[in-house]
N, C-alpha and C. Protein backbone atom coordinates (compact mmCIF):
# COMPACT_ATOMS: atom_id res chain seq x y z
N MET A 1 -18.24 7.98 -17.08
CA MET A 1 -18.55 7.43 -16.21
C MET A 1 -16.60 6.76 -16.57
N SER A 2 -15.87 6.53 -15.50
CA SER A 2 -14.96 4.67 -15.84
C SER A 2 -14.88 3.96 -15.09
N ASN A 3 -14.61 2.49 -15.46
CA ASN A 3 -14.50 1.65 -14.76
C ASN A 3 -12.74 1.79 -14.42
N VAL A 4 -12.87 1.32 -13.06
CA VAL A 4 -11.73 0.92 -12.52
C VAL A 4 -11.15 0.01 -11.97
N GLN A 5 -10.30 -1.12 -11.49
CA GLN A 5 -9.46 -1.86 -10.80
C GLN A 5 -8.56 -1.38 -9.43
N LEU A 6 -8.90 -1.40 -7.75
CA LEU A 6 -8.30 -0.22 -7.13
C LEU A 6 -7.91 -1.75 -5.98
N THR A 7 -6.77 -1.44 -5.37
CA THR A 7 -6.51 -1.85 -4.16
C THR A 7 -5.68 -0.80 -3.04
N GLY A 8 -6.63 -0.76 -2.39
CA GLY A 8 -5.53 -0.10 -0.34
C GLY A 8 -6.47 -0.19 0.65
N THR A 9 -6.73 0.90 1.45
CA THR A 9 -7.32 0.66 2.97
C THR A 9 -8.76 1.48 2.94
N ILE A 10 -9.75 0.68 3.74
CA ILE A 10 -10.62 2.00 3.56
C ILE A 10 -10.61 2.65 5.15
N GLN A 11 -11.09 3.71 4.95
CA GLN A 11 -10.77 4.55 5.80
C GLN A 11 -11.95 5.11 6.01
N ARG A 12 -12.06 5.96 7.09
CA ARG A 12 -13.42 6.86 7.67
C ARG A 12 -12.88 8.12 7.86
N VAL A 13 -13.55 8.92 6.94
CA VAL A 13 -13.22 10.80 7.43
C VAL A 13 -14.28 11.22 8.52
N THR A 14 -13.64 11.97 9.12
CA THR A 14 -14.86 12.81 10.07
C THR A 14 -15.11 14.11 9.59
N LEU A 15 -14.97 14.32 8.64
CA LEU A 15 -15.58 15.87 8.14
C LEU A 15 -16.90 15.92 7.87
N GLY A 16 -17.32 17.05 8.28
CA GLY A 16 -18.71 17.07 8.21
C GLY A 16 -19.17 16.30 8.66
N MET A 17 -20.92 15.60 7.77
CA MET A 17 -21.09 14.35 8.10
C MET A 17 -20.40 12.97 8.20
N GLY A 18 -19.37 12.82 7.75
CA GLY A 18 -18.15 11.92 7.63
C GLY A 18 -18.20 11.38 6.01
N ALA A 19 -17.81 10.50 5.82
CA ALA A 19 -17.55 9.52 4.53
C ALA A 19 -16.19 8.78 4.26
N TRP A 20 -16.85 7.39 3.54
CA TRP A 20 -15.87 6.52 3.84
C TRP A 20 -14.99 6.72 2.50
N THR A 21 -13.83 6.26 2.47
CA THR A 21 -13.41 6.42 1.36
C THR A 21 -12.23 4.84 1.48
N LEU A 22 -11.78 5.27 0.23
CA LEU A 22 -10.69 4.49 -0.18
C LEU A 22 -9.72 4.81 -0.23
N VAL A 23 -8.09 4.98 0.16
CA VAL A 23 -6.86 4.66 -0.05
C VAL A 23 -6.29 3.79 -0.13
N THR A 24 -5.57 4.47 -2.14
CA THR A 24 -4.98 3.37 -2.97
C THR A 24 -3.84 3.02 -1.74
N ASP A 25 -2.94 1.86 -2.66
CA ASP A 25 -1.97 2.23 -2.08
C ASP A 25 -0.69 2.70 -2.72
N GLN A 26 -1.53 3.62 -3.98
CA GLN A 26 -0.45 4.93 -4.34
C GLN A 26 -0.69 6.09 -4.09
N GLY A 27 -1.75 6.04 -2.78
CA GLY A 27 -2.01 7.27 -1.97
C GLY A 27 -2.88 8.12 -2.63
N ASP A 28 -3.99 7.52 -3.44
CA ASP A 28 -5.22 8.20 -3.47
C ASP A 28 -6.26 8.19 -3.42
N THR A 29 -6.96 9.02 -2.86
CA THR A 29 -8.35 9.00 -2.05
C THR A 29 -9.14 8.92 -2.96
N TYR A 30 -10.34 7.78 -2.59
CA TYR A 30 -11.33 8.01 -3.32
C TYR A 30 -12.41 8.10 -2.24
N GLU A 31 -13.74 8.79 -2.81
CA GLU A 31 -14.79 8.92 -1.75
C GLU A 31 -15.86 7.59 -1.89
N LEU A 32 -15.97 6.71 -0.95
CA LEU A 32 -17.32 5.73 -1.61
C LEU A 32 -18.25 6.48 -1.50
N HIS A 33 -19.39 5.70 -2.51
CA HIS A 33 -20.55 6.11 -2.76
C HIS A 33 -21.31 5.48 -2.75
N ARG A 34 -22.10 5.50 -1.59
CA ARG A 34 -23.25 3.96 -1.38
C ARG A 34 -22.26 2.43 -0.94
N PRO A 35 -21.29 2.66 0.16
CA PRO A 35 -20.39 1.38 -0.10
C PRO A 35 -21.23 0.27 0.81
N PRO A 36 -20.94 -0.98 0.64
CA PRO A 36 -22.13 -1.64 1.76
C PRO A 36 -21.82 -2.19 2.68
N ALA A 37 -22.68 -2.26 3.07
CA ALA A 37 -22.09 -2.41 5.01
C ALA A 37 -20.92 -2.73 5.52
N ASP A 38 -20.67 -4.57 4.58
CA ASP A 38 -19.42 -5.09 5.39
C ASP A 38 -17.94 -4.49 4.49
N LEU A 39 -18.25 -3.50 3.89
CA LEU A 39 -16.76 -2.41 3.24
C LEU A 39 -16.06 -1.49 4.81
N CYS A 40 -17.29 -1.47 5.06
CA CYS A 40 -17.69 -0.27 5.89
C CYS A 40 -16.48 -0.36 7.29
N THR A 41 -15.24 -1.03 7.38
CA THR A 41 -14.90 -0.89 8.25
C THR A 41 -13.10 -0.58 8.11
N ALA A 42 -12.76 0.42 9.08
CA ALA A 42 -11.63 1.05 8.43
C ALA A 42 -10.19 0.56 8.76
N GLY A 43 -9.68 0.32 8.49
CA GLY A 43 -8.54 -0.11 7.97
C GLY A 43 -8.82 -1.44 7.75
N LEU A 44 -9.36 -1.82 6.70
CA LEU A 44 -9.90 -2.73 5.97
C LEU A 44 -9.02 -3.20 4.73
N ALA A 45 -8.08 -3.97 4.40
CA ALA A 45 -7.55 -4.16 3.14
C ALA A 45 -8.32 -4.67 2.15
N VAL A 46 -8.42 -4.03 0.83
CA VAL A 46 -9.35 -4.43 -0.27
C VAL A 46 -8.52 -4.27 -1.41
N ARG A 47 -9.71 -5.15 -2.36
CA ARG A 47 -9.24 -4.57 -3.89
C ARG A 47 -10.32 -4.50 -4.29
N VAL A 48 -11.46 -3.24 -5.11
CA VAL A 48 -12.43 -3.09 -5.65
C VAL A 48 -12.29 -3.05 -6.90
N GLN A 49 -13.35 -3.38 -7.64
CA GLN A 49 -13.88 -3.06 -8.96
C GLN A 49 -14.95 -1.74 -8.84
N GLY A 50 -14.71 -0.54 -9.43
CA GLY A 50 -16.09 0.42 -10.14
C GLY A 50 -16.25 1.38 -10.73
N GLN A 51 -16.97 2.12 -10.61
CA GLN A 51 -16.77 3.23 -11.43
C GLN A 51 -16.86 4.40 -10.26
N ILE A 52 -15.96 5.90 -11.42
CA ILE A 52 -15.60 6.74 -11.35
C ILE A 52 -17.15 7.27 -11.48
N ARG A 53 -18.20 7.94 -10.03
CA ARG A 53 -18.47 8.89 -11.03
C ARG A 53 -18.48 10.53 -11.18
N SER A 54 -18.62 10.82 -12.18
CA SER A 54 -18.22 12.29 -12.06
C SER A 54 -19.31 13.41 -12.43
N ASP A 55 -20.16 12.00 -12.25
CA ASP A 55 -21.73 13.31 -12.27
C ASP A 55 -22.41 13.14 -10.92
N ILE A 56 -21.43 12.87 -9.70
CA ILE A 56 -22.04 12.81 -8.29
C ILE A 56 -20.79 13.64 -7.54
N ALA A 57 -21.58 14.99 -6.68
CA ALA A 57 -21.10 16.05 -5.94
C ALA A 57 -21.25 15.33 -4.39
N THR A 58 -20.74 15.26 -3.73
CA THR A 58 -20.85 15.09 -1.99
C THR A 58 -20.36 16.47 -1.61
N LEU A 59 -20.93 16.07 0.51
CA LEU A 59 -20.50 17.20 0.94
C LEU A 59 -19.18 17.24 1.32
N ALA A 60 -18.71 16.28 1.62
CA ALA A 60 -17.52 15.58 2.44
C ALA A 60 -16.26 16.09 1.09
N MET A 61 -16.40 16.01 -0.42
CA MET A 61 -15.40 16.56 -1.31
C MET A 61 -13.98 16.08 -0.79
N VAL A 62 -13.92 14.85 -0.42
CA VAL A 62 -12.40 14.71 -0.10
C VAL A 62 -11.52 13.86 -1.29
N GLY A 63 -12.71 13.49 -2.71
CA GLY A 63 -11.44 12.68 -3.67
C GLY A 63 -12.67 12.66 -4.50
N PRO A 64 -12.29 11.85 -5.77
CA PRO A 64 -13.51 11.18 -6.41
C PRO A 64 -14.22 10.31 -5.84
N VAL A 65 -15.64 10.25 -6.31
CA VAL A 65 -16.67 10.10 -6.19
C VAL A 65 -16.80 8.47 -7.02
N LEU A 66 -16.05 7.11 -6.29
CA LEU A 66 -16.45 5.85 -6.61
C LEU A 66 -17.24 4.77 -5.95
N GLU A 67 -18.28 4.35 -6.88
CA GLU A 67 -19.12 3.54 -6.94
C GLU A 67 -18.53 2.00 -6.67
N ILE A 68 -18.03 1.15 -6.18
CA ILE A 68 -18.09 0.13 -5.84
C ILE A 68 -19.00 -1.06 -6.50
N LYS A 69 -18.63 -1.93 -7.35
CA LYS A 69 -19.25 -2.91 -7.79
C LYS A 69 -19.22 -4.08 -7.37
N THR A 70 -18.05 -4.37 -7.33
CA THR A 70 -17.43 -6.01 -6.07
C THR A 70 -16.18 -5.22 -5.61
N PHE A 71 -15.82 -6.47 -4.14
CA PHE A 71 -14.80 -6.38 -3.90
C PHE A 71 -14.46 -7.46 -2.92
N SER A 72 -13.27 -7.48 -2.80
CA SER A 72 -12.88 -8.21 -2.08
C SER A 72 -12.04 -8.01 -1.04
N VAL A 73 -11.57 -8.58 0.51
CA VAL A 73 -10.54 -8.31 1.13
C VAL A 73 -9.48 -9.22 0.70
N THR A 74 -8.27 -7.61 1.29
CA THR A 74 -7.11 -9.08 0.50
C THR A 74 -6.19 -9.33 2.15
N GLN A 75 -6.94 -8.57 3.28
CA GLN A 75 -5.31 -9.30 4.54
C GLN A 75 -5.84 -10.39 4.54
């Protein structure tokens, strides 16, 4: 597991059961693991700190799994 700090936009993917993702300013997509409710707003611009969880697999499989530790809205 590695710690990261990223900026980007929250998006909702409707594939399968659906998933919340962070699309970074560089275009990379991370699937959010148990995101806080106040982070789950499509189009929200954020800066997040968290961990890449290589020990977790998901049904959506849209990108590496990111567990959010802290975040701030940047809009």
